[in-house]
Amino acid sequence: QVRISRAAMKAAQEAAKAAKAPAKGKKK
């Protein structure tokens, strides 16, 4: 369970970073 949580957290963080980068550039 800990391994899945770590992988999910890493994937979520990467997805948020990738979505935040383009969203900020597109909004501005």
PDB file of N, CA and C in Angstrom:
ATOM      1  N   GLN A   1       0.842  -1.200   0.000  1.00  0.00           N
ATOM      2  CA  GLN A   1       0.000   0.000   0.000  1.00  0.00           C
ATOM      3  C   GLN A   1       0.883   1.258   0.000  1.00  0.00           C
ATOM      4  N   VAL A   2       1.923   1.202   0.751  1.00  0.00           N
ATOM      5  CA  VAL A   2       2.818   2.379   0.820  1.00  0.00           C
ATOM      6  C   VAL A   2       3.436   2.622  -0.545  1.00  0.00           C
ATOM      7  N   ARG A   3       3.772   1.534  -1.218  1.00  0.00           N
ATOM      8  CA  ARG A   3       4.418   1.691  -2.539  1.00  0.00           C
ATOM      9  C   ARG A   3       3.412   2.336  -3.503  1.00  0.00           C
ATOM     10  N   ILE A   4       2.204   1.881  -3.487  1.00  0.00           N
ATOM     11  CA  ILE A   4       1.197   2.446  -4.408  1.00  0.00           C
ATOM     12  C   ILE A   4       0.958   3.925  -4.062  1.00  0.00           C
ATOM     13  N   SER A   5       0.885   4.208  -2.797  1.00  0.00           N
ATOM     14  CA  SER A   5       0.637   5.606  -2.365  1.00  0.00           C
ATOM     15  C   SER A   5       1.775   6.500  -2.866  1.00  0.00           C
ATOM     16  N   ARG A   6       3.000   5.992  -2.735  1.00  0.00           N
ATOM     17  CA  ARG A   6       4.175   6.802  -3.165  1.00  0.00           C
ATOM     18  C   ARG A   6       4.091   7.006  -4.683  1.00  0.00           C
ATOM     19  N   ALA A   7       3.777   5.973  -5.406  1.00  0.00           N
ATOM     20  CA  ALA A   7       3.714   6.073  -6.881  1.00  0.00           C
ATOM     21  C   ALA A   7       2.568   7.014  -7.269  1.00  0.00           C
ATOM     22  N   ALA A   8       1.450   6.882  -6.600  1.00  0.00           N
ATOM     23  CA  ALA A   8       0.291   7.742  -6.922  1.00  0.00           C
ATOM     24  C   ALA A   8       0.634   9.199  -6.617  1.00  0.00           C
ATOM     25  N   MET A   9       1.290   9.409  -5.504  1.00  0.00           N
ATOM     26  CA  MET A   9       1.661  10.794  -5.125  1.00  0.00           C
ATOM     27  C   MET A   9       2.613  11.379  -6.170  1.00  0.00           C
ATOM     28  N   LYS A  10       3.576  10.578  -6.591  1.00  0.00           N
ATOM     29  CA  LYS A  10       4.562  11.061  -7.578  1.00  0.00           C
ATOM     30  C   LYS A  10       3.838  11.367  -8.899  1.00  0.00           C
ATOM     31  N   ALA A  11       2.958  10.497  -9.309  1.00  0.00           N
ATOM     32  CA  ALA A  11       2.237  10.692 -10.581  1.00  0.00           C
ATOM     33  C   ALA A  11       1.329  11.924 -10.466  1.00  0.00           C
ATOM     34  N   ALA A  12       0.685  12.069  -9.341  1.00  0.00           N
ATOM     35  CA  ALA A  12      -0.220  13.224  -9.155  1.00  0.00           C
ATOM     36  C   ALA A  12       0.586  14.519  -9.172  1.00  0.00           C
ATOM     37  N   GLN A  13       1.743  14.494  -8.504  1.00  0.00           N
ATOM     38  CA  GLN A  13       2.573  15.717  -8.468  1.00  0.00           C
ATOM     39  C   GLN A  13       3.061  16.059  -9.879  1.00  0.00           C
ATOM     40  N   GLU A  14       3.468  15.024 -10.611  1.00  0.00           N
ATOM     41  CA  GLU A  14       3.976  15.287 -11.976  1.00  0.00           C
ATOM     42  C   GLU A  14       2.828  15.794 -12.862  1.00  0.00           C
ATOM     43  N   ALA A  15       1.666  15.204 -12.714  1.00  0.00           N
ATOM     44  CA  ALA A  15       0.512  15.616 -13.533  1.00  0.00           C
ATOM     45  C   ALA A  15       0.130  17.056 -13.186  1.00  0.00           C
ATOM     46  N   ALA A  16       0.136  17.372 -11.916  1.00  0.00           N
ATOM     47  CA  ALA A  16      -0.227  18.739 -11.492  1.00  0.00           C
ATOM     48  C   ALA A  16       0.793  19.732 -12.043  1.00  0.00           C
ATOM     49  N   LYS A  17       2.060  19.347 -11.991  1.00  0.00           N
ATOM     50  CA  LYS A  17       3.115  20.260 -12.489  1.00  0.00           C
ATOM     51  C   LYS A  17       2.945  20.457 -14.004  1.00  0.00           C
ATOM     52  N   ALA A  18       2.674  19.382 -14.711  1.00  0.00           N
ATOM     53  CA  ALA A  18       2.534  19.471 -16.173  1.00  0.00           C
ATOM     54  C   ALA A  18       1.266  20.261 -16.524  1.00  0.00           C
ATOM     55  N   ALA A  19       0.225  20.099 -15.742  1.00  0.00           N
ATOM     56  CA  ALA A  19      -1.036  20.814 -16.032  1.00  0.00           C
ATOM     57  C   ALA A  19      -0.918  22.272 -15.585  1.00  0.00           C
ATOM     58  N   LYS A  20      -0.168  22.501 -14.526  1.00  0.00           N
ATOM     59  CA  LYS A  20      -0.032  23.881 -14.021  1.00  0.00           C
ATOM     60  C   LYS A  20       0.843  24.706 -14.967  1.00  0.00           C
ATOM     61  N   ALA A  21       1.881  24.117 -15.495  1.00  0.00           N
ATOM     62  CA  ALA A  21       2.800  24.857 -16.378  1.00  0.00           C
ATOM     63  C   ALA A  21       2.051  25.373 -17.613  1.00  0.00           C
ATOM     64  N   PRO A  22       1.413  24.495 -18.385  1.00  0.00           N
ATOM     65  CA  PRO A  22       0.691  24.937 -19.595  1.00  0.00           C
ATOM     66  C   PRO A  22      -0.493  25.839 -19.246  1.00  0.00           C
ATOM     67  N   ALA A  23      -1.164  25.557 -18.155  1.00  0.00           N
ATOM     68  CA  ALA A  23      -2.337  26.375 -17.769  1.00  0.00           C
ATOM     69  C   ALA A  23      -1.884  27.807 -17.495  1.00  0.00           C
ATOM     70  N   LYS A  24      -0.779  27.954 -16.790  1.00  0.00           N
ATOM     71  CA  LYS A  24      -0.283  29.306 -16.467  1.00  0.00           C
ATOM     72  C   LYS A  24       0.136  30.021 -17.761  1.00  0.00           C
ATOM     73  N   GLY A  25       0.817  29.334 -18.622  1.00  0.00           N
ATOM     74  CA  GLY A  25       1.283  29.950 -19.872  1.00  0.00           C
ATOM     75  C   GLY A  25       0.099  30.277 -20.773  1.00  0.00           C
ATOM     76  N   LYS A  26      -0.908  29.426 -20.783  1.00  0.00           N
ATOM     77  CA  LYS A  26      -2.069  29.675 -21.653  1.00  0.00           C
ATOM     78  C   LYS A  26      -2.913  30.822 -21.082  1.00  0.00           C
ATOM     79  N   LYS A  27      -3.032  30.881 -19.788  1.00  0.00           N
ATOM     80  CA  LYS A  27      -3.854  31.948 -19.170  1.00  0.00           C
ATOM     81  C   LYS A  27      -3.202  33.308 -19.399  1.00  0.00           C
ATOM     82  N   LYS A  28      -1.900  33.351 -19.265  1.00  0.00           N
ATOM     83  CA  LYS A  28      -1.199  34.643 -19.428  1.00  0.00           C
ATOM     84  C   LYS A  28      -1.030  34.872 -20.915  1.00  0.00           C
TER      85      LYS A  28
END
